[in-house]
Amino acid sequence: MDFRKTDPALPLHLRYRLPYYFADIPEHKAVYFQWNFIQDYGSENFTAFTRRLFADVDSHPGWKLIVDVRYDGGGDGSKDADVIKQIIKRDRFDRPGDLFVITGRKTFSAAVDFVGQAKQWTSAIFVGEPPGAGPNAYGDPQEMTAPNLKIPFQVSTNYHMYAASTDQSDSYPPDIPAIMTAADYFSGRDPSLDMILNGTEGDLLPLPALGVAEGGAAAKQAYEKRLVQWGTIPWWHPFSEADMNKAGYKSLDSGRAADAIVLFQMNVDRFPQSWNTWASLGDAQRAAGEIAGAKTSYEKSLTINPGERQPREALDEIAKTGR
């Protein structure tokens, strides 16, 4: 507890180290909420705290919210909903860029459940380093005592799932890597918070969201820049196949076939063995009138999955109508 004494000279992420607290950062139009232990603490229980936190958030309608769980080792996972429900009630957090979650190697247990729920139900951008567990993990420990040795131990009692049952990932890679080095720590620098407060939209938006917001060329340019910055980090993934596929169809549905082609081509380049990435590229090429390219993409899709109906039907229709 001696290390948790308030010291305003320390950077925000080290200043209090209480189970939960928040601070306004008016010069950057941001509310910073650090969550270190998922439990009730002191005279203000967590439910009361979240009411006060979001009253402050509501008093600053143009500000971003930053949730820092990089030191959160877990606790009572039922309290995750107190934050998630408050976020999804507010339309302002539906757009990527208004809500950020900082994760790190100490993010664990119920804090990983919060990360899973935030990924599932919000448009949060995740910054920092990977948490200490993946989307499917054991939790809810129950204390027991070995009957003969009289040694107490804990055993997990539930398996929490935020991905397909076959997903064996050991962590959630952040959208935006920000690695804390010893030099950063001892000099008072905070790479994660610095990135969120000072980065541009092109630096911070996930590539699929950037493609929808600013177009395919902007997403491709940012992708090339990020590959140079972070391509050697083994846990960094530029985007998921599913997210980029959704972004491509959002662009296509809004009449931006050229942008959709760029986004689907990025997906094909990253996931060339997926029949779906090729079929989606064919859809965009066909919408843009690039019939020869569409036929090639559909045929490639069928070489990967000959039984897939959608690209075969598309090719049949092109043969009949010429478009």
Protein backbone atom coordinates (compact mmCIF):
# COMPACT_ATOMS: atom_id res chain seq x y z
CA MET A 1 0.00 0.00 0.00
CA ASP A 2 2.96 2.32 0.53
CA PHE A 3 3.52 2.41 -3.23
CA ARG A 4 -0.10 3.42 -3.80
CA LYS A 5 0.19 6.78 -2.10
CA THR A 6 -0.91 9.59 -4.37
CA ASP A 7 1.99 11.33 -6.06
CA PRO A 8 0.95 14.04 -8.55
CA ALA A 9 4.51 14.16 -9.88
CA LEU A 10 4.12 10.68 -11.40
CA PRO A 11 2.59 10.05 -14.84
CA LEU A 12 -1.13 9.27 -14.83
CA HIS A 13 -0.76 5.52 -15.08
CA LEU A 14 1.33 5.43 -11.85
CA ARG A 15 -0.16 8.36 -9.96
CA TYR A 16 -2.75 6.59 -7.78
CA ARG A 17 -2.80 2.81 -8.39
CA LEU A 18 -6.12 2.58 -6.58
CA PRO A 19 -8.61 -0.11 -7.64
CA TYR A 20 -10.39 2.55 -9.74
CA TYR A 21 -10.20 6.26 -10.35
CA PHE A 22 -10.62 8.73 -13.18
CA ALA A 23 -9.16 12.07 -14.17
CA ASP A 24 -10.03 14.66 -16.79
CA ILE A 25 -7.36 15.64 -19.33
CA PRO A 26 -8.89 18.89 -20.60
CA GLU A 27 -5.99 19.88 -22.84
CA HIS A 28 -6.62 16.72 -24.89
CA LYS A 29 -10.41 16.56 -24.41
CA ALA A 30 -10.23 13.14 -22.78
CA VAL A 31 -11.46 11.35 -19.66
CA TYR A 32 -8.93 8.82 -18.34
CA PHE A 33 -10.29 5.91 -16.26
CA GLN A 34 -7.76 3.55 -14.69
CA TRP A 35 -9.14 0.23 -13.49
CA ASN A 36 -6.64 -1.85 -11.50
CA PHE A 37 -8.81 -4.22 -9.45
CA ILE A 38 -12.35 -5.35 -10.25
CA GLN A 39 -13.78 -5.07 -6.76
CA ASP A 40 -15.53 -2.64 -4.45
CA TYR A 41 -13.17 -0.33 -2.62
CA GLY A 42 -13.45 2.18 0.21
CA SER A 43 -16.57 4.23 0.83
CA GLU A 44 -17.65 4.34 -2.84
CA ASN A 45 -18.59 0.97 -4.31
CA PHE A 46 -17.90 0.32 -7.98
CA THR A 47 -21.49 0.82 -9.14
CA ALA A 48 -21.59 4.25 -7.50
CA PHE A 49 -18.20 5.05 -8.98
CA THR A 50 -19.32 4.21 -12.52
CA ARG A 51 -22.35 6.50 -12.11
CA ARG A 52 -20.00 9.33 -11.14
CA LEU A 53 -17.57 8.46 -13.94
CA PHE A 54 -20.20 8.52 -16.67
CA ALA A 55 -21.81 11.66 -15.27
CA ASP A 56 -18.41 13.26 -15.86
CA VAL A 57 -18.20 11.70 -19.34
CA ASP A 58 -21.65 13.11 -20.16
CA SER A 59 -20.60 16.57 -19.02
CA HIS A 60 -17.92 16.54 -21.77
CA PRO A 61 -19.84 15.40 -24.88
CA GLY A 62 -16.98 15.95 -27.32
CA TRP A 63 -14.32 14.16 -25.28
CA LYS A 64 -12.91 10.66 -25.78
CA LEU A 65 -12.97 8.02 -23.02
CA ILE A 66 -9.81 6.03 -22.23
CA VAL A 67 -10.16 2.86 -20.12
CA ASP A 68 -6.77 1.66 -18.82
CA VAL A 69 -6.75 -1.99 -17.68
CA ARG A 70 -3.05 -2.70 -18.30
CA TYR A 71 -2.43 -3.45 -14.57
CA ASP A 72 -5.82 -5.07 -13.91
CA GLY A 73 -5.35 -8.64 -12.66
CA GLY A 74 -9.09 -9.27 -12.39
CA GLY A 75 -11.59 -9.75 -9.59
CA ASP A 76 -15.38 -9.88 -9.68
CA GLY A 77 -16.23 -10.30 -13.36
CA SER A 78 -19.90 -9.45 -12.79
CA LYS A 79 -18.82 -5.83 -12.42
CA ASP A 80 -17.61 -5.69 -16.04
CA ALA A 81 -21.20 -5.08 -17.11
CA ASP A 82 -21.35 -1.87 -15.05
CA VAL A 83 -18.93 -0.31 -17.56
CA ILE A 84 -19.97 -2.11 -20.76
CA LYS A 85 -23.65 -1.22 -20.34
CA GLN A 86 -22.84 2.44 -19.72
CA ILE A 87 -20.75 2.53 -22.90
CA ILE A 88 -23.27 0.88 -25.21
CA LYS A 89 -26.05 3.15 -23.92
CA ARG A 90 -24.22 6.13 -25.46
CA ASP A 91 -24.35 6.48 -29.23
CA ARG A 92 -21.28 8.71 -29.20
CA PHE A 93 -19.09 5.64 -28.61
CA ASP A 94 -20.37 3.83 -31.71
CA ARG A 95 -17.79 5.56 -33.92
CA PRO A 96 -14.22 4.24 -33.70
CA GLY A 97 -11.97 6.95 -32.26
CA ASP A 98 -14.07 8.02 -29.28
CA LEU A 99 -13.34 5.03 -27.01
CA PHE A 100 -9.94 3.48 -26.26
CA VAL A 101 -8.89 0.55 -24.08
CA ILE A 102 -5.27 0.20 -22.94
CA THR A 103 -4.17 -3.40 -22.28
CA GLY A 104 -0.92 -4.93 -21.08
CA ARG A 105 0.78 -8.09 -19.90
CA LYS A 106 -0.82 -7.86 -16.44
CA THR A 107 -4.36 -7.65 -17.85
CA PHE A 108 -5.80 -10.95 -16.67
CA SER A 109 -8.84 -12.95 -15.53
CA ALA A 110 -11.95 -10.76 -15.17
CA ALA A 111 -10.09 -7.92 -16.88
CA VAL A 112 -9.67 -10.14 -19.96
CA ASP A 113 -13.42 -10.79 -19.79
CA PHE A 114 -13.90 -7.02 -19.95
CA VAL A 115 -11.63 -6.88 -23.01
CA GLY A 116 -13.66 -9.66 -24.65
CA GLN A 117 -16.94 -7.89 -23.95
CA ALA A 118 -15.56 -4.56 -25.17
CA LYS A 119 -14.41 -6.21 -28.41
CA GLN A 120 -17.78 -7.90 -28.83
CA TRP A 121 -20.11 -5.03 -27.96
CA THR A 122 -18.27 -1.74 -28.53
CA SER A 123 -16.23 0.11 -31.15
CA ALA A 124 -13.24 0.50 -28.82
CA ILE A 125 -9.75 0.81 -30.24
CA PHE A 126 -7.25 -1.29 -28.27
CA VAL A 127 -3.80 0.15 -27.62
CA GLY A 128 -0.75 -1.21 -25.79
CA GLU A 129 0.46 -4.78 -25.40
CA PRO A 130 -1.45 -8.08 -25.44
CA PRO A 131 -3.33 -9.12 -22.28
CA GLY A 132 -2.25 -12.14 -20.27
CA ALA A 133 -4.92 -14.47 -21.67
CA GLY A 134 -6.89 -15.08 -24.84
CA PRO A 135 -10.57 -14.87 -25.76
CA ASN A 136 -11.31 -18.35 -24.40
CA ALA A 137 -9.92 -18.92 -20.93
CA TYR A 138 -10.67 -20.49 -17.57
CA GLY A 139 -11.68 -18.34 -14.61
CA ASP A 140 -13.83 -17.92 -11.49
CA PRO A 141 -11.44 -19.68 -9.10
CA GLN A 142 -12.78 -21.51 -6.06
CA GLU A 143 -10.52 -22.09 -3.08
CA MET A 144 -10.13 -25.67 -1.90
CA THR A 145 -7.88 -27.48 0.57
CA ALA A 146 -6.06 -30.73 -0.09
CA PRO A 147 -7.67 -33.09 2.49
CA ASN A 148 -4.48 -34.84 3.60
CA LEU A 149 -1.78 -32.23 3.02
CA LYS A 150 -4.03 -29.37 4.26
CA ILE A 151 -2.58 -27.13 1.53
CA PRO A 152 -5.01 -24.51 0.14
CA PHE A 153 -5.20 -24.05 -3.61
CA GLN A 154 -7.53 -22.52 -6.19
CA VAL A 155 -9.26 -24.21 -9.11
CA SER A 156 -11.00 -22.44 -12.00
CA THR A 157 -14.68 -23.30 -12.21
CA ASN A 158 -15.80 -21.73 -15.53
CA TYR A 159 -14.62 -21.52 -19.10
CA HIS A 160 -15.26 -18.04 -20.51
CA MET A 161 -15.65 -17.86 -24.30
CA TYR A 162 -15.52 -14.74 -26.47
CA ALA A 163 -14.54 -16.50 -29.69
CA ALA A 164 -15.26 -19.73 -31.54
CA SER A 165 -14.68 -22.88 -29.50
CA THR A 166 -11.82 -23.79 -31.83
CA ASP A 167 -9.99 -20.51 -31.15
CA GLN A 168 -6.80 -21.35 -29.24
CA SER A 169 -5.34 -17.82 -29.30
CA ASP A 170 -3.40 -17.07 -26.13
CA SER A 171 -4.10 -13.34 -26.22
CA TYR A 172 -5.85 -10.41 -27.90
CA PRO A 173 -3.41 -8.46 -30.10
CA PRO A 174 -4.07 -4.70 -29.71
CA ASP A 175 -5.05 -2.70 -32.77
CA ILE A 176 -2.26 -0.22 -32.07
CA PRO A 177 0.96 -1.58 -30.48
CA ALA A 178 2.58 0.61 -27.83
CA ILE A 179 5.32 -1.24 -25.97
CA MET A 180 6.42 0.10 -22.58
CA THR A 181 10.19 -0.21 -22.21
CA ALA A 182 12.13 0.19 -18.98
CA ALA A 183 13.48 3.48 -20.32
CA ASP A 184 9.90 4.70 -20.89
CA TYR A 185 8.79 3.59 -17.44
CA PHE A 186 11.56 5.23 -15.46
CA SER A 187 11.59 8.44 -17.48
CA GLY A 188 7.84 8.94 -17.03
CA ARG A 189 6.85 8.34 -20.64
CA ASP A 190 3.65 6.46 -21.41
CA PRO A 191 3.69 5.22 -25.04
CA SER A 192 0.06 4.05 -24.93
CA LEU A 193 -1.41 7.27 -23.57
CA ASP A 194 0.89 9.39 -25.74
CA MET A 195 -0.32 7.55 -28.83
CA ILE A 196 -3.99 8.03 -27.94
CA LEU A 197 -3.66 11.70 -26.99
CA ASN A 198 -1.32 12.79 -29.78
CA GLY A 199 -1.94 10.37 -32.66
CA THR A 200 -3.91 11.36 -35.74
CA GLU A 201 -6.96 9.49 -37.01
CA GLY A 202 -4.71 7.85 -39.60
CA ASP A 203 -2.44 6.63 -36.78
CA LEU A 204 -5.19 5.31 -34.53
CA LEU A 205 -8.13 3.96 -36.51
CA PRO A 206 -8.06 0.21 -37.21
CA LEU A 207 -7.41 -0.29 -40.92
CA PRO A 208 -10.94 -1.53 -41.77
CA ALA A 209 -12.50 1.47 -40.01
CA LEU A 210 -10.03 3.80 -41.71
CA GLY A 211 -11.00 2.33 -45.08
CA VAL A 212 -14.68 3.01 -44.43
CA ALA A 213 -14.03 6.53 -43.10
CA GLU A 214 -11.37 7.78 -45.51
CA GLY A 215 -11.32 5.35 -48.40
CA GLY A 216 -9.25 2.48 -49.69
CA ALA A 217 -6.19 4.55 -50.62
CA ALA A 218 -5.90 5.93 -47.07
CA ALA A 219 -6.20 2.42 -45.60
CA LYS A 220 -3.57 1.03 -47.96
CA GLN A 221 -1.18 3.88 -47.21
CA ALA A 222 -1.63 3.41 -43.46
CA TYR A 223 -1.15 -0.35 -43.86
CA GLU A 224 2.19 0.14 -45.57
CA LYS A 225 3.29 2.61 -42.89
CA ARG A 226 2.27 0.25 -40.07
CA LEU A 227 4.07 -2.67 -41.66
CA VAL A 228 7.28 -0.64 -41.44
CA GLN A 229 6.54 0.40 -37.83
CA TRP A 230 5.24 -2.85 -36.39
CA GLY A 231 5.74 -5.61 -38.93
CA THR A 232 8.47 -7.27 -36.86
CA ILE A 233 6.29 -7.51 -33.71
CA PRO A 234 5.30 -11.21 -33.64
CA TRP A 235 1.91 -10.68 -31.98
CA TRP A 236 0.73 -7.76 -34.12
CA HIS A 237 -2.00 -8.47 -36.67
CA PRO A 238 -2.89 -5.60 -39.03
CA PHE A 239 -6.55 -6.65 -39.36
CA SER A 240 -8.78 -9.70 -39.25
CA GLU A 241 -10.26 -11.21 -42.39
CA ALA A 242 -13.80 -10.74 -41.07
CA ASP A 243 -13.35 -7.07 -40.15
CA MET A 244 -11.83 -6.13 -43.49
CA ASN A 245 -14.53 -8.06 -45.32
CA LYS A 246 -17.23 -6.09 -43.48
CA ALA A 247 -15.45 -2.83 -44.29
CA GLY A 248 -15.29 -3.75 -47.96
CA TYR A 249 -19.02 -4.46 -48.13
CA LYS A 250 -19.82 -1.24 -46.25
CA SER A 251 -17.95 0.66 -48.94
CA LEU A 252 -19.60 -1.37 -51.69
CA ASP A 253 -23.09 -0.86 -50.26
CA SER A 254 -22.51 2.90 -50.14
CA GLY A 255 -21.65 2.97 -53.85
CA ARG A 256 -17.85 3.17 -53.44
CA ALA A 257 -16.84 0.16 -55.51
CA ALA A 258 -13.30 1.46 -56.14
CA ASP A 259 -12.65 1.72 -52.39
CA ALA A 260 -14.16 -1.73 -51.87
CA ILE A 261 -11.78 -3.21 -54.47
CA VAL A 262 -8.77 -1.80 -52.58
CA LEU A 263 -10.00 -3.14 -49.22
CA PHE A 264 -10.87 -6.57 -50.60
CA GLN A 265 -7.50 -6.71 -52.40
CA MET A 266 -5.76 -6.02 -49.06
CA ASN A 267 -7.72 -8.93 -47.61
CA VAL A 268 -6.75 -11.19 -50.50
CA ASP A 269 -3.09 -10.24 -50.13
CA ARG A 270 -3.16 -11.08 -46.42
CA PHE A 271 -5.44 -14.14 -46.59
CA PRO A 272 -4.80 -15.61 -50.08
CA GLN A 273 -6.03 -19.09 -49.11
CA SER A 274 -9.52 -17.92 -48.17
CA TRP A 275 -12.16 -18.55 -50.83
CA ASN A 276 -14.26 -15.79 -49.27
CA THR A 277 -11.68 -13.02 -49.76
CA TRP A 278 -11.49 -13.84 -53.48
CA ALA A 279 -15.27 -14.05 -53.86
CA SER A 280 -15.69 -10.68 -52.15
CA LEU A 281 -13.07 -9.12 -54.43
CA GLY A 282 -15.01 -10.53 -57.38
CA ASP A 283 -18.21 -8.88 -56.12
CA ALA A 284 -16.52 -5.47 -55.98
CA GLN A 285 -14.86 -5.87 -59.38
CA ARG A 286 -18.17 -6.89 -60.89
CA ALA A 287 -19.92 -3.88 -59.35
CA ALA A 288 -17.23 -1.64 -60.83
CA GLY A 289 -17.67 -3.16 -64.28
CA GLU A 290 -14.32 -4.98 -64.19
CA ILE A 291 -15.82 -8.21 -65.50
CA ALA A 292 -12.59 -9.93 -66.56
CA GLY A 293 -11.07 -9.32 -63.13
CA ALA A 294 -14.27 -10.50 -61.42
CA LYS A 295 -14.24 -13.76 -63.40
CA THR A 296 -10.61 -14.37 -62.40
CA SER A 297 -11.39 -13.75 -58.73
CA TYR A 298 -14.45 -16.00 -58.71
CA GLU A 299 -12.50 -18.76 -60.44
CA LYS A 300 -9.71 -18.46 -57.87
CA SER A 301 -12.33 -18.72 -55.11
CA LEU A 302 -13.62 -21.95 -56.64
CA THR A 303 -10.16 -23.48 -56.91
CA ILE A 304 -9.90 -23.06 -53.12
CA ASN A 305 -13.44 -24.25 -52.37
CA PRO A 306 -15.02 -25.95 -55.42
CA GLY A 307 -18.30 -26.55 -53.63
CA GLU A 308 -19.03 -22.92 -52.81
CA ARG A 309 -22.28 -21.80 -54.43
CA GLN A 310 -21.99 -17.98 -54.46
CA PRO A 311 -18.98 -17.57 -56.81
CA ARG A 312 -20.30 -20.32 -59.11
CA GLU A 313 -23.70 -18.59 -59.39
CA ALA A 314 -21.93 -15.28 -60.08
CA LEU A 315 -19.94 -16.85 -62.92
CA ASP A 316 -23.11 -18.42 -64.38
CA GLU A 317 -24.84 -15.06 -64.35
CA ILE A 318 -21.86 -13.35 -65.99
CA ALA A 319 -21.91 -16.02 -68.71
CA LYS A 320 -25.61 -15.32 -69.35
CA THR A 321 -25.68 -11.55 -69.10
CA GLY A 322 -22.10 -10.47 -69.72
CA ARG A 323 -22.07 -8.50 -66.45
